[in-house]
Amino acid sequence: MTYVFDTNVFSQLFHSFYRSQFPTLWSNFDSLVDKGLITSTREVSREIEDDRVKSLREWAKDKHELFPAPTADEALFVRKIFNVKHFQQIIEQKKLLKGGKNADPFVIARASVLEKGTVVTMESETRNGANIPNICRRFSIPCMSLEAFMKQEQWVF
């Protein structure tokens, strides 16, 4: 299984699980990154550039292979997402007008083209929502929380 991390998962890890206090978590995490079992997308790295935690920004800056540019297949899947009128609302009007950052559809698209790709996000599915879990469900793409990811990997600290 390959995990495609949303921006908020990286933020949660770096904001709450300090490397000095959670060395086993970070050893496990780094191992999965090194094996290519955790990935993301360039759009997530662009969102991370604005994160308030310096260690996350610096870490991501050196991880180009973790944040690849979208492929043609991924771009086609993003288009497929936005062909569903209800999901067009995930792009806020302000972002459209100002050229803002919006990684969500690219995270989903990356998982869709990877063999056994699974989205990991801190977002929750909401009734009639247009967030990551709702879109993943619509397109039958596996999606889980950070806690579910840790359980899947059998991480206990």
C-alpha atoms as a PDB file:
ATOM      1  CA  MET A   1       0.000   0.000   0.000  1.00  0.00           C
ATOM      2  CA  THR A   2       1.244   3.477  -0.869  1.00  0.00           C
ATOM      3  CA  TYR A   3       0.038   6.329   1.311  1.00  0.00           C
ATOM      4  CA  VAL A   4      -0.576   9.738  -0.262  1.00  0.00           C
ATOM      5  CA  PHE A   5      -0.351  12.347   2.470  1.00  0.00           C
ATOM      6  CA  ASP A   6      -2.408  15.515   2.520  1.00  0.00           C
ATOM      7  CA  THR A   7      -0.790  18.731   3.768  1.00  0.00           C
ATOM      8  CA  ASN A   8      -2.658  18.604   7.065  1.00  0.00           C
ATOM      9  CA  VAL A   9      -1.119  15.220   7.953  1.00  0.00           C
ATOM     10  CA  PHE A  10       2.421  16.540   7.561  1.00  0.00           C
ATOM     11  CA  SER A  11       1.403  19.591   9.585  1.00  0.00           C
ATOM     12  CA  GLN A  12      -0.088  17.458  12.352  1.00  0.00           C
ATOM     13  CA  LEU A  13       3.032  15.306  12.551  1.00  0.00           C
ATOM     14  CA  PHE A  14       5.451  18.222  12.628  1.00  0.00           C
ATOM     15  CA  HIS A  15       3.301  20.404  14.892  1.00  0.00           C
ATOM     16  CA  SER A  16       2.517  17.758  17.510  1.00  0.00           C
ATOM     17  CA  PHE A  17       5.045  14.937  17.381  1.00  0.00           C
ATOM     18  CA  TYR A  18       8.457  16.447  18.048  1.00  0.00           C
ATOM     19  CA  ARG A  19      11.354  14.388  16.704  1.00  0.00           C
ATOM     20  CA  SER A  20      13.178  14.594  20.030  1.00  0.00           C
ATOM     21  CA  GLN A  21      10.177  13.216  21.951  1.00  0.00           C
ATOM     22  CA  PHE A  22       8.879  10.626  19.462  1.00  0.00           C
ATOM     23  CA  PRO A  23      12.002   9.022  17.956  1.00  0.00           C
ATOM     24  CA  THR A  24      10.321   5.689  17.194  1.00  0.00           C
ATOM     25  CA  LEU A  25       7.476   7.359  15.308  1.00  0.00           C
ATOM     26  CA  TRP A  26       9.952   9.330  13.230  1.00  0.00           C
ATOM     27  CA  SER A  27      12.136   6.301  12.583  1.00  0.00           C
ATOM     28  CA  ASN A  28       9.072   4.416  11.312  1.00  0.00           C
ATOM     29  CA  PHE A  29       7.917   7.415   9.281  1.00  0.00           C
ATOM     30  CA  ASP A  30      11.339   8.021   7.717  1.00  0.00           C
ATOM     31  CA  SER A  31      11.600   4.332   6.835  1.00  0.00           C
ATOM     32  CA  LEU A  32       8.294   4.427   4.943  1.00  0.00           C
ATOM     33  CA  VAL A  33       9.361   7.616   3.149  1.00  0.00           C
ATOM     34  CA  ASP A  34      12.700   6.043   2.184  1.00  0.00           C
ATOM     35  CA  LYS A  35      10.913   2.955   0.834  1.00  0.00           C
ATOM     36  CA  GLY A  36       8.600   5.134  -1.253  1.00  0.00           C
ATOM     37  CA  LEU A  37       5.523   3.989   0.667  1.00  0.00           C
ATOM     38  CA  ILE A  38       4.653   7.551   1.664  1.00  0.00           C
ATOM     39  CA  THR A  39       4.272  10.045  -1.126  1.00  0.00           C
ATOM     40  CA  SER A  40       2.448  13.267  -1.854  1.00  0.00           C
ATOM     41  CA  THR A  41       2.336  15.818  -4.638  1.00  0.00           C
ATOM     42  CA  ARG A  42       4.036  19.050  -5.633  1.00  0.00           C
ATOM     43  CA  GLU A  43       0.927  21.001  -4.673  1.00  0.00           C
ATOM     44  CA  VAL A  44       1.266  19.802  -1.079  1.00  0.00           C
ATOM     45  CA  SER A  45       4.866  21.028  -0.984  1.00  0.00           C
ATOM     46  CA  ARG A  46       3.624  24.408  -2.207  1.00  0.00           C
ATOM     47  CA  GLU A  47       1.131  24.552   0.680  1.00  0.00           C
ATOM     48  CA  ILE A  48       3.867  23.515   3.130  1.00  0.00           C
ATOM     49  CA  GLU A  49       5.890  26.577   2.055  1.00  0.00           C
ATOM     50  CA  ASP A  50       3.352  28.644   4.024  1.00  0.00           C
ATOM     51  CA  ASP A  51       3.359  26.432   7.133  1.00  0.00           C
ATOM     52  CA  ARG A  52       4.229  28.106  10.435  1.00  0.00           C
ATOM     53  CA  VAL A  53       6.578  25.295  11.521  1.00  0.00           C
ATOM     54  CA  LYS A  54      10.057  25.952  10.201  1.00  0.00           C
ATOM     55  CA  SER A  55      11.218  22.339  10.640  1.00  0.00           C
ATOM     56  CA  LEU A  56       8.452  21.140   8.305  1.00  0.00           C
ATOM     57  CA  ARG A  57       9.285  23.751   5.672  1.00  0.00           C
ATOM     58  CA  GLU A  58      12.985  22.875   5.813  1.00  0.00           C
ATOM     59  CA  TRP A  59      12.351  19.125   5.767  1.00  0.00           C
ATOM     60  CA  ALA A  60      10.035  19.343   2.764  1.00  0.00           C
ATOM     61  CA  LYS A  61      12.471  21.539   0.850  1.00  0.00           C
ATOM     62  CA  ASP A  62      14.917  18.610   0.651  1.00  0.00           C
ATOM     63  CA  LYS A  63      12.339  15.954  -0.291  1.00  0.00           C
ATOM     64  CA  HIS A  64      11.740  16.585  -3.999  1.00  0.00           C
ATOM     65  CA  GLU A  65      11.123  12.888  -4.728  1.00  0.00           C
ATOM     66  CA  LEU A  66       8.329  12.869  -2.136  1.00  0.00           C
ATOM     67  CA  PHE A  67       6.493  15.713  -3.878  1.00  0.00           C
ATOM     68  CA  PRO A  68       6.484  14.958  -7.630  1.00  0.00           C
ATOM     69  CA  ALA A  69       4.747  17.123 -10.197  1.00  0.00           C
ATOM     70  CA  PRO A  70       1.370  15.749 -11.295  1.00  0.00           C
ATOM     71  CA  THR A  71       1.478  13.313 -14.182  1.00  0.00           C
ATOM     72  CA  ALA A  72      -0.786  13.542 -17.215  1.00  0.00           C
ATOM     73  CA  ASP A  73      -2.952  10.765 -15.753  1.00  0.00           C
ATOM     74  CA  GLU A  74      -3.251  12.674 -12.484  1.00  0.00           C
ATOM     75  CA  ALA A  75      -4.236  15.842 -14.348  1.00  0.00           C
ATOM     76  CA  LEU A  76      -6.939  13.897 -16.166  1.00  0.00           C
ATOM     77  CA  PHE A  77      -8.247  12.628 -12.850  1.00  0.00           C
ATOM     78  CA  VAL A  78      -8.329  16.164 -11.401  1.00  0.00           C
ATOM     79  CA  ARG A  79     -10.451  17.079 -14.398  1.00  0.00           C
ATOM     80  CA  LYS A  80     -12.718  14.113 -13.648  1.00  0.00           C
ATOM     81  CA  ILE A  81     -13.182  15.413 -10.078  1.00  0.00           C
ATOM     82  CA  PHE A  82     -14.134  18.873 -11.294  1.00  0.00           C
ATOM     83  CA  ASN A  83     -16.540  17.449 -13.849  1.00  0.00           C
ATOM     84  CA  VAL A  84     -18.718  16.708 -10.817  1.00  0.00           C
ATOM     85  CA  LYS A  85     -20.364  20.065 -10.209  1.00  0.00           C
ATOM     86  CA  HIS A  86     -20.731  19.448  -6.467  1.00  0.00           C
ATOM     87  CA  PHE A  87     -16.958  19.036  -6.104  1.00  0.00           C
ATOM     88  CA  GLN A  88     -16.146  22.316  -7.816  1.00  0.00           C
ATOM     89  CA  GLN A  89     -16.731  24.037  -4.484  1.00  0.00           C
ATOM     90  CA  ILE A  90     -13.436  22.723  -3.089  1.00  0.00           C
ATOM     91  CA  ILE A  91     -11.782  25.621  -4.875  1.00  0.00           C
ATOM     92  CA  GLU A  92     -12.653  28.717  -2.947  1.00  0.00           C
ATOM     93  CA  GLN A  93     -13.428  31.772  -5.042  1.00  0.00           C
ATOM     94  CA  LYS A  94     -10.536  33.657  -3.406  1.00  0.00           C
ATOM     95  CA  LYS A  95      -8.085  30.955  -4.473  1.00  0.00           C
ATOM     96  CA  LEU A  96      -9.319  31.138  -8.054  1.00  0.00           C
ATOM     97  CA  LEU A  97      -8.998  34.896  -8.191  1.00  0.00           C
ATOM     98  CA  LYS A  98      -5.606  35.073  -6.497  1.00  0.00           C
ATOM     99  CA  GLY A  99      -4.031  31.940  -7.950  1.00  0.00           C
ATOM    100  CA  GLY A 100      -4.029  30.317  -4.511  1.00  0.00           C
ATOM    101  CA  LYS A 101      -2.868  26.869  -3.541  1.00  0.00           C
ATOM    102  CA  ASN A 102      -5.213  23.891  -3.488  1.00  0.00           C
ATOM    103  CA  ALA A 103      -3.618  20.474  -3.184  1.00  0.00           C
ATOM    104  CA  ASP A 104      -6.734  18.437  -2.363  1.00  0.00           C
ATOM    105  CA  PRO A 105      -7.698  17.297  -5.871  1.00  0.00           C
ATOM    106  CA  PHE A 106      -4.063  16.492  -6.677  1.00  0.00           C
ATOM    107  CA  VAL A 107      -3.683  14.342  -3.550  1.00  0.00           C
ATOM    108  CA  ILE A 108      -6.774  12.366  -4.555  1.00  0.00           C
ATOM    109  CA  ALA A 109      -5.603  12.105  -8.170  1.00  0.00           C
ATOM    110  CA  ARG A 110      -2.185  10.797  -7.110  1.00  0.00           C
ATOM    111  CA  ALA A 111      -3.804   8.046  -5.029  1.00  0.00           C
ATOM    112  CA  SER A 112      -6.101   7.189  -7.930  1.00  0.00           C
ATOM    113  CA  VAL A 113      -3.246   6.404 -10.322  1.00  0.00           C
ATOM    114  CA  LEU A 114      -0.995   4.554  -7.879  1.00  0.00           C
ATOM    115  CA  GLU A 115      -1.412   0.841  -7.421  1.00  0.00           C
ATOM    116  CA  LYS A 116      -2.962   0.467  -3.959  1.00  0.00           C
ATOM    117  CA  GLY A 117      -2.858   4.239  -3.388  1.00  0.00           C
ATOM    118  CA  THR A 118      -4.562   5.404  -0.208  1.00  0.00           C
ATOM    119  CA  VAL A 119      -5.164   9.004   0.806  1.00  0.00           C
ATOM    120  CA  VAL A 120      -4.232   9.984   4.363  1.00  0.00           C
ATOM    121  CA  THR A 121      -5.895  13.179   5.565  1.00  0.00           C
ATOM    122  CA  MET A 122      -7.068  14.887   8.734  1.00  0.00           C
ATOM    123  CA  GLU A 123     -10.318  15.867   7.032  1.00  0.00           C
ATOM    124  CA  SER A 124     -13.561  14.106   7.933  1.00  0.00           C
ATOM    125  CA  GLU A 125     -16.360  13.158   5.646  1.00  0.00           C
ATOM    126  CA  THR A 126     -19.344  15.445   6.034  1.00  0.00           C
ATOM    127  CA  ARG A 127     -22.879  15.080   4.832  1.00  0.00           C
ATOM    128  CA  ASN A 128     -23.151  16.554   1.323  1.00  0.00           C
ATOM    129  CA  GLY A 129     -19.535  17.691   1.646  1.00  0.00           C
ATOM    130  CA  ALA A 130     -16.950  18.276  -1.011  1.00  0.00           C
ATOM    131  CA  ASN A 131     -13.853  17.513   0.999  1.00  0.00           C
ATOM    132  CA  ILE A 132     -11.270  14.793   0.490  1.00  0.00           C
ATOM    133  CA  PRO A 133     -13.085  11.850   2.128  1.00  0.00           C
ATOM    134  CA  ASN A 134     -16.316  12.645   0.255  1.00  0.00           C
ATOM    135  CA  ILE A 135     -14.514  12.785  -3.083  1.00  0.00           C
ATOM    136  CA  CYS A 136     -12.546   9.618  -2.341  1.00  0.00           C
ATOM    137  CA  ARG A 137     -15.757   7.769  -1.511  1.00  0.00           C
ATOM    138  CA  ARG A 138     -17.379   8.980  -4.754  1.00  0.00           C
ATOM    139  CA  PHE A 139     -14.477   7.601  -6.800  1.00  0.00           C
ATOM    140  CA  SER A 140     -13.832   4.474  -4.647  1.00  0.00           C
ATOM    141  CA  ILE A 141     -10.372   5.600  -3.554  1.00  0.00           C
ATOM    142  CA  PRO A 142      -9.268   4.364  -0.129  1.00  0.00           C
ATOM    143  CA  CYS A 143      -8.993   7.185   2.408  1.00  0.00           C
ATOM    144  CA  MET A 144      -8.010   7.183   6.078  1.00  0.00           C
ATOM    145  CA  SER A 145      -7.073   9.431   8.962  1.00  0.00           C
ATOM    146  CA  LEU A 146      -3.612   9.751  10.484  1.00  0.00           C
ATOM    147  CA  GLU A 147      -4.777   7.585  13.385  1.00  0.00           C
ATOM    148  CA  ALA A 148      -6.068   4.897  10.998  1.00  0.00           C
ATOM    149  CA  PHE A 149      -2.742   5.044   9.129  1.00  0.00           C
ATOM    150  CA  MET A 150      -0.859   4.447  12.394  1.00  0.00           C
ATOM    151  CA  LYS A 151      -3.164   1.525  13.220  1.00  0.00           C
ATOM    152  CA  GLN A 152      -2.716   0.110   9.701  1.00  0.00           C
ATOM    153  CA  GLU A 153       1.045   0.211  10.181  1.00  0.00           C
ATOM    154  CA  GLN A 154       0.647  -1.237  13.690  1.00  0.00           C
ATOM    155  CA  TRP A 155       2.424   1.671  15.312  1.00  0.00           C
ATOM    156  CA  VAL A 156       2.065   1.663  19.087  1.00  0.00           C
ATOM    157  CA  PHE A 157       4.101   3.992  21.266  1.00  0.00           C
END
